[in-house]
Amino acid sequence: MYTRTHMFEHELKRLIEIEIERLKENMSLGLIDNHEEYRLVAGKIAGLRLAIDYMAEADAICNGKPRE
């Protein structure tokens, strides 16, 4: 059974992954108007991926695993 914390973590990760896919789709469909906007969207994707990495690292630390 999931605790509220586990459900929150799972849902947050799912929402972040959905947003990453939405941004990637916009890029692949040519919905980006210029290079500046492309860099902005690429930066958002990188930031969201980093957030997922930090979530995994925080989970590992909370479960007593050493930091890598």
PDB file of N, CA and C in Angstrom:
ATOM      1  N   MET A   1       0.838  -1.177   0.000  1.00  0.00           N
ATOM      2  CA  MET A   1       0.000   0.000   0.000  1.00  0.00           C
ATOM      3  C   MET A   1       0.890   1.251   0.000  1.00  0.00           C
ATOM      4  N   TYR A   2       0.535   2.197  -0.828  1.00  0.00           N
ATOM      5  CA  TYR A   2       1.295   3.433  -0.906  1.00  0.00           C
ATOM      6  C   TYR A   2       0.888   4.392   0.209  1.00  0.00           C
ATOM      7  N   THR A   3       1.883   5.071   0.749  1.00  0.00           N
ATOM      8  CA  THR A   3       1.584   6.145   1.683  1.00  0.00           C
ATOM      9  C   THR A   3       1.278   7.397   0.872  1.00  0.00           C
ATOM     10  N   ARG A   4       0.788   8.412   1.536  1.00  0.00           N
ATOM     11  CA  ARG A   4       0.486   9.664   0.843  1.00  0.00           C
ATOM     12  C   ARG A   4       1.759  10.237   0.213  1.00  0.00           C
ATOM     13  N   THR A   5       2.873  10.103   0.897  1.00  0.00           N
ATOM     14  CA  THR A   5       4.148  10.603   0.378  1.00  0.00           C
ATOM     15  C   THR A   5       4.546   9.875  -0.901  1.00  0.00           C
ATOM     16  N   HIS A   6       4.388   8.554  -0.909  1.00  0.00           N
ATOM     17  CA  HIS A   6       4.710   7.784  -2.111  1.00  0.00           C
ATOM     18  C   HIS A   6       3.785   8.159  -3.270  1.00  0.00           C
ATOM     19  N   MET A   7       2.504   8.352  -2.959  1.00  0.00           N
ATOM     20  CA  MET A   7       1.555   8.737  -4.007  1.00  0.00           C
ATOM     21  C   MET A   7       1.909  10.114  -4.560  1.00  0.00           C
ATOM     22  N   PHE A   8       2.285  11.034  -3.664  1.00  0.00           N
ATOM     23  CA  PHE A   8       2.678  12.374  -4.097  1.00  0.00           C
ATOM     24  C   PHE A   8       3.901  12.307  -5.009  1.00  0.00           C
ATOM     25  N   GLU A   9       4.918  11.560  -4.585  1.00  0.00           N
ATOM     26  CA  GLU A   9       6.144  11.434  -5.386  1.00  0.00           C
ATOM     27  C   GLU A   9       5.840  10.839  -6.756  1.00  0.00           C
ATOM     28  N   HIS A  10       5.034   9.795  -6.781  1.00  0.00           N
ATOM     29  CA  HIS A  10       4.678   9.142  -8.044  1.00  0.00           C
ATOM     30  C   HIS A  10       3.928  10.109  -8.961  1.00  0.00           C
ATOM     31  N   GLU A  11       2.967  10.830  -8.398  1.00  0.00           N
ATOM     32  CA  GLU A  11       2.165  11.749  -9.210  1.00  0.00           C
ATOM     33  C   GLU A  11       3.001  12.922  -9.711  1.00  0.00           C
ATOM     34  N   LEU A  12       3.883  13.444  -8.865  1.00  0.00           N
ATOM     35  CA  LEU A  12       4.743  14.549  -9.284  1.00  0.00           C
ATOM     36  C   LEU A  12       5.649  14.115 -10.429  1.00  0.00           C
ATOM     37  N   LYS A  13       6.255  12.945 -10.303  1.00  0.00           N
ATOM     38  CA  LYS A  13       7.124  12.443 -11.369  1.00  0.00           C
ATOM     39  C   LYS A  13       6.332  12.255 -12.658  1.00  0.00           C
ATOM     40  N   ARG A  14       5.118  11.728 -12.550  1.00  0.00           N
ATOM     41  CA  ARG A  14       4.277  11.519 -13.731  1.00  0.00           C
ATOM     42  C   ARG A  14       3.946  12.852 -14.407  1.00  0.00           C
ATOM     43  N   LEU A  15       3.592  13.861 -13.627  1.00  0.00           N
ATOM     44  CA  LEU A  15       3.263  15.172 -14.186  1.00  0.00           C
ATOM     45  C   LEU A  15       4.482  15.809 -14.859  1.00  0.00           C
ATOM     46  N   ILE A  16       5.654  15.660 -14.246  1.00  0.00           N
ATOM     47  CA  ILE A  16       6.879  16.195 -14.843  1.00  0.00           C
ATOM     48  C   ILE A  16       7.170  15.489 -16.163  1.00  0.00           C
ATOM     49  N   GLU A  17       7.018  14.168 -16.195  1.00  0.00           N
ATOM     50  CA  GLU A  17       7.265  13.420 -17.429  1.00  0.00           C
ATOM     51  C   GLU A  17       6.279  13.807 -18.525  1.00  0.00           C
ATOM     52  N   ILE A  18       5.035  14.051 -18.166  1.00  0.00           N
ATOM     53  CA  ILE A  18       4.034  14.496 -19.147  1.00  0.00           C
ATOM     54  C   ILE A  18       4.445  15.846 -19.731  1.00  0.00           C
ATOM     55  N   GLU A  19       4.900  16.752 -18.874  1.00  0.00           N
ATOM     56  CA  GLU A  19       5.316  18.076 -19.358  1.00  0.00           C
ATOM     57  C   GLU A  19       6.544  17.979 -20.256  1.00  0.00           C
ATOM     58  N   ILE A  20       7.492  17.117 -19.907  1.00  0.00           N
ATOM     59  CA  ILE A  20       8.663  16.915 -20.760  1.00  0.00           C
ATOM     60  C   ILE A  20       8.214  16.434 -22.139  1.00  0.00           C
ATOM     61  N   GLU A  21       7.328  15.466 -22.184  1.00  0.00           N
ATOM     62  CA  GLU A  21       6.856  14.947 -23.466  1.00  0.00           C
ATOM     63  C   GLU A  21       6.113  16.011 -24.269  1.00  0.00           C
ATOM     64  N   ARG A  22       5.334  16.852 -23.582  1.00  0.00           N
ATOM     65  CA  ARG A  22       4.612  17.932 -24.266  1.00  0.00           C
ATOM     66  C   ARG A  22       5.594  18.911 -24.900  1.00  0.00           C
ATOM     67  N   LEU A  23       6.622  19.278 -24.148  1.00  0.00           N
ATOM     68  CA  LEU A  23       7.627  20.209 -24.666  1.00  0.00           C
ATOM     69  C   LEU A  23       8.392  19.597 -25.835  1.00  0.00           C
ATOM     70  N   LYS A  24       8.770  18.329 -25.704  1.00  0.00           N
ATOM     71  CA  LYS A  24       9.477  17.653 -26.795  1.00  0.00           C
ATOM     72  C   LYS A  24       8.604  17.568 -28.049  1.00  0.00           C
ATOM     73  N   GLU A  25       7.331  17.314 -27.862  1.00  0.00           N
ATOM     74  CA  GLU A  25       6.419  17.238 -29.004  1.00  0.00           C
ATOM     75  C   GLU A  25       6.322  18.593 -29.704  1.00  0.00           C
ATOM     76  N   ASN A  26       6.226  19.658 -28.928  1.00  0.00           N
ATOM     77  CA  ASN A  26       6.173  20.999 -29.520  1.00  0.00           C
ATOM     78  C   ASN A  26       7.426  21.275 -30.341  1.00  0.00           C
ATOM     79  N   MET A  27       8.567  20.824 -29.839  1.00  0.00           N
ATOM     80  CA  MET A  27       9.822  21.023 -30.575  1.00  0.00           C
ATOM     81  C   MET A  27       9.812  20.211 -31.867  1.00  0.00           C
ATOM     82  N   SER A  28       9.393  18.960 -31.786  1.00  0.00           N
ATOM     83  CA  SER A  28       9.451  18.090 -32.959  1.00  0.00           C
ATOM     84  C   SER A  28       8.419  18.469 -34.024  1.00  0.00           C
ATOM     85  N   LEU A  29       7.338  19.118 -33.611  1.00  0.00           N
ATOM     86  CA  LEU A  29       6.304  19.529 -34.568  1.00  0.00           C
ATOM     87  C   LEU A  29       6.599  20.896 -35.191  1.00  0.00           C
ATOM     88  N   GLY A  30       7.706  21.497 -34.781  1.00  0.00           N
ATOM     89  CA  GLY A  30       8.067  22.793 -35.350  1.00  0.00           C
ATOM     90  C   GLY A  30       7.262  23.950 -34.804  1.00  0.00           C
ATOM     91  N   LEU A  31       6.750  23.802 -33.588  1.00  0.00           N
ATOM     92  CA  LEU A  31       5.945  24.869 -32.997  1.00  0.00           C
ATOM     93  C   LEU A  31       6.798  25.935 -32.304  1.00  0.00           C
ATOM     94  N   ILE A  32       8.101  25.787 -32.405  1.00  0.00           N
ATOM     95  CA  ILE A  32       9.025  26.762 -31.830  1.00  0.00           C
ATOM     96  C   ILE A  32       9.356  27.787 -32.916  1.00  0.00           C
ATOM     97  N   ASP A  33       9.189  29.058 -32.595  1.00  0.00           N
ATOM     98  CA  ASP A  33       9.318  30.114 -33.602  1.00  0.00           C
ATOM     99  C   ASP A  33      10.743  30.541 -33.922  1.00  0.00           C
ATOM    100  N   ASN A  34      11.627  30.480 -32.927  1.00  0.00           N
ATOM    101  CA  ASN A  34      12.974  30.991 -33.170  1.00  0.00           C
ATOM    102  C   ASN A  34      13.979  30.276 -32.275  1.00  0.00           C
ATOM    103  N   HIS A  35      15.253  30.587 -32.489  1.00  0.00           N
ATOM    104  CA  HIS A  35      16.328  29.914 -31.751  1.00  0.00           C
ATOM    105  C   HIS A  35      16.261  30.216 -30.256  1.00  0.00           C
ATOM    106  N   GLU A  36      15.911  31.436 -29.912  1.00  0.00           N
ATOM    107  CA  GLU A  36      15.811  31.821 -28.497  1.00  0.00           C
ATOM    108  C   GLU A  36      14.746  30.987 -27.787  1.00  0.00           C
ATOM    109  N   GLU A  37      13.607  30.832 -28.420  1.00  0.00           N
ATOM    110  CA  GLU A  37      12.524  30.030 -27.839  1.00  0.00           C
ATOM    111  C   GLU A  37      12.933  28.552 -27.761  1.00  0.00           C
ATOM    112  N   TYR A  38      13.652  28.073 -28.778  1.00  0.00           N
ATOM    113  CA  TYR A  38      14.145  26.696 -28.774  1.00  0.00           C
ATOM    114  C   TYR A  38      15.063  26.464 -27.574  1.00  0.00           C
ATOM    115  N   ARG A  39      15.962  27.396 -27.337  1.00  0.00           N
ATOM    116  CA  ARG A  39      16.880  27.273 -26.196  1.00  0.00           C
ATOM    117  C   ARG A  39      16.116  27.312 -24.880  1.00  0.00           C
ATOM    118  N   LEU A  40      15.094  28.138 -24.799  1.00  0.00           N
ATOM    119  CA  LEU A  40      14.277  28.226 -23.595  1.00  0.00           C
ATOM    120  C   LEU A  40      13.580  26.891 -23.318  1.00  0.00           C
ATOM    121  N   VAL A  41      12.981  26.311 -24.334  1.00  0.00           N
ATOM    122  CA  VAL A  41      12.279  25.031 -24.172  1.00  0.00           C
ATOM    123  C   VAL A  41      13.273  23.916 -23.839  1.00  0.00           C
ATOM    124  N   ALA A  42      14.412  23.912 -24.502  1.00  0.00           N
ATOM    125  CA  ALA A  42      15.438  22.904 -24.206  1.00  0.00           C
ATOM    126  C   ALA A  42      15.909  23.036 -22.760  1.00  0.00           C
ATOM    127  N   GLY A  43      16.036  24.256 -22.268  1.00  0.00           N
ATOM    128  CA  GLY A  43      16.411  24.487 -20.881  1.00  0.00           C
ATOM    129  C   GLY A  43      15.359  24.007 -19.910  1.00  0.00           C
ATOM    130  N   LYS A  44      14.089  24.207 -20.247  1.00  0.00           N
ATOM    131  CA  LYS A  44      12.996  23.712 -19.399  1.00  0.00           C
ATOM    132  C   LYS A  44      13.046  22.190 -19.309  1.00  0.00           C
ATOM    133  N   ILE A  45      13.259  21.542 -20.441  1.00  0.00           N
ATOM    134  CA  ILE A  45      13.338  20.082 -20.456  1.00  0.00           C
ATOM    135  C   ILE A  45      14.499  19.608 -19.585  1.00  0.00           C
ATOM    136  N   ALA A  46      15.636  20.253 -19.736  1.00  0.00           N
ATOM    137  CA  ALA A  46      16.812  19.878 -18.934  1.00  0.00           C
ATOM    138  C   ALA A  46      16.531  20.080 -17.446  1.00  0.00           C
ATOM    139  N   GLY A  47      15.892  21.170 -17.098  1.00  0.00           N
ATOM    140  CA  GLY A  47      15.557  21.439 -15.699  1.00  0.00           C
ATOM    141  C   GLY A  47      14.583  20.427 -15.122  1.00  0.00           C
ATOM    142  N   LEU A  48      13.598  20.051 -15.918  1.00  0.00           N
ATOM    143  CA  LEU A  48      12.630  19.057 -15.446  1.00  0.00           C
ATOM    144  C   LEU A  48      13.282  17.686 -15.275  1.00  0.00           C
ATOM    145  N   ARG A  49      14.181  17.330 -16.177  1.00  0.00           N
ATOM    146  CA  ARG A  49      14.915  16.065 -16.031  1.00  0.00           C
ATOM    147  C   ARG A  49      15.788  16.087 -14.785  1.00  0.00           C
ATOM    148  N   LEU A  50      16.395  17.228 -14.511  1.00  0.00           N
ATOM    149  CA  LEU A  50      17.211  17.374 -13.315  1.00  0.00           C
ATOM    150  C   LEU A  50      16.348  17.228 -12.059  1.00  0.00           C
ATOM    151  N   ALA A  51      15.139  17.757 -12.096  1.00  0.00           N
ATOM    152  CA  ALA A  51      14.221  17.611 -10.956  1.00  0.00           C
ATOM    153  C   ALA A  51      13.918  16.139 -10.695  1.00  0.00           C
ATOM    154  N   ILE A  52      13.706  15.361 -11.745  1.00  0.00           N
ATOM    155  CA  ILE A  52      13.455  13.926 -11.579  1.00  0.00           C
ATOM    156  C   ILE A  52      14.684  13.248 -10.982  1.00  0.00           C
ATOM    157  N   ASP A  53      15.871  13.628 -11.449  1.00  0.00           N
ATOM    158  CA  ASP A  53      17.107  13.070 -10.886  1.00  0.00           C
ATOM    159  C   ASP A  53      17.230  13.398  -9.404  1.00  0.00           C
ATOM    160  N   TYR A  54      16.922  14.631  -9.029  1.00  0.00           N
ATOM    161  CA  TYR A  54      16.996  15.029  -7.623  1.00  0.00           C
ATOM    162  C   TYR A  54      15.972  14.273  -6.778  1.00  0.00           C
ATOM    163  N   MET A  55      14.803  14.043  -7.338  1.00  0.00           N
ATOM    164  CA  MET A  55      13.790  13.261  -6.618  1.00  0.00           C
ATOM    165  C   MET A  55      14.310  11.857  -6.330  1.00  0.00           C
ATOM    166  N   ALA A  56      14.946  11.240  -7.319  1.00  0.00           N
ATOM    167  CA  ALA A  56      15.490   9.886  -7.143  1.00  0.00           C
ATOM    168  C   ALA A  56      16.617   9.896  -6.112  1.00  0.00           C
ATOM    169  N   GLU A  57      17.459  10.911  -6.161  1.00  0.00           N
ATOM    170  CA  GLU A  57      18.556  11.004  -5.203  1.00  0.00           C
ATOM    171  C   GLU A  57      18.031  11.217  -3.793  1.00  0.00           C
ATOM    172  N   ALA A  58      17.037  12.087  -3.632  1.00  0.00           N
ATOM    173  CA  ALA A  58      16.448  12.326  -2.322  1.00  0.00           C
ATOM    174  C   ALA A  58      15.795  11.058  -1.783  1.00  0.00           C
ATOM    175  N   ASP A  59      15.135  10.310  -2.650  1.00  0.00           N
ATOM    176  CA  ASP A  59      14.511   9.050  -2.245  1.00  0.00           C
ATOM    177  C   ASP A  59      15.563   8.077  -1.765  1.00  0.00           C
ATOM    178  N   ALA A  60      16.673   7.981  -2.499  1.00  0.00           N
ATOM    179  CA  ALA A  60      17.754   7.074  -2.113  1.00  0.00           C
ATOM    180  C   ALA A  60      18.332   7.472  -0.758  1.00  0.00           C
ATOM    181  N   ILE A  61      18.530   8.759  -0.543  1.00  0.00           N
ATOM    182  CA  ILE A  61      19.078   9.236   0.732  1.00  0.00           C
ATOM    183  C   ILE A  61      18.111   8.914   1.872  1.00  0.00           C
ATOM    184  N   CYS A  62      16.817   9.136   1.636  1.00  0.00           N
ATOM    185  CA  CYS A  62      15.822   8.844   2.667  1.00  0.00           C
ATOM    186  C   CYS A  62      15.742   7.357   2.986  1.00  0.00           C
ATOM    187  N   ASN A  63      16.113   6.525   2.030  1.00  0.00           N
ATOM    188  CA  ASN A  63      16.093   5.084   2.241  1.00  0.00           C
ATOM    189  C   ASN A  63      17.437   4.545   2.727  1.00  0.00           C
ATOM    190  N   GLY A  64      18.351   5.459   3.091  1.00  0.00           N
ATOM    191  CA  GLY A  64      19.612   5.072   3.676  1.00  0.00           C
ATOM    192  C   GLY A  64      20.691   4.644   2.710  1.00  0.00           C
ATOM    193  N   LYS A  65      20.505   4.915   1.442  1.00  0.00           N
ATOM    194  CA  LYS A  65      21.526   4.565   0.449  1.00  0.00           C
ATOM    195  C   LYS A  65      22.546   5.696   0.372  1.00  0.00           C
ATOM    196  N   PRO A  66      23.817   5.360   0.204  1.00  0.00           N
ATOM    197  CA  PRO A  66      24.835   6.417   0.119  1.00  0.00           C
ATOM    198  C   PRO A  66      24.700   7.222  -1.156  1.00  0.00           C
ATOM    199  N   ARG A  67      25.114   8.479  -1.087  1.00  0.00           N
ATOM    200  CA  ARG A  67      25.106   9.339  -2.274  1.00  0.00           C
ATOM    201  C   ARG A  67      26.180   8.899  -3.236  1.00  0.00           C
ATOM    202  N   GLU A  68      25.894   9.040  -4.500  1.00  0.00           N
ATOM    203  CA  GLU A  68      26.869   8.661  -5.541  1.00  0.00           C
ATOM    204  C   GLU A  68      27.705   9.831  -5.942  1.00  0.00           C
TER     205      GLU A  68
END
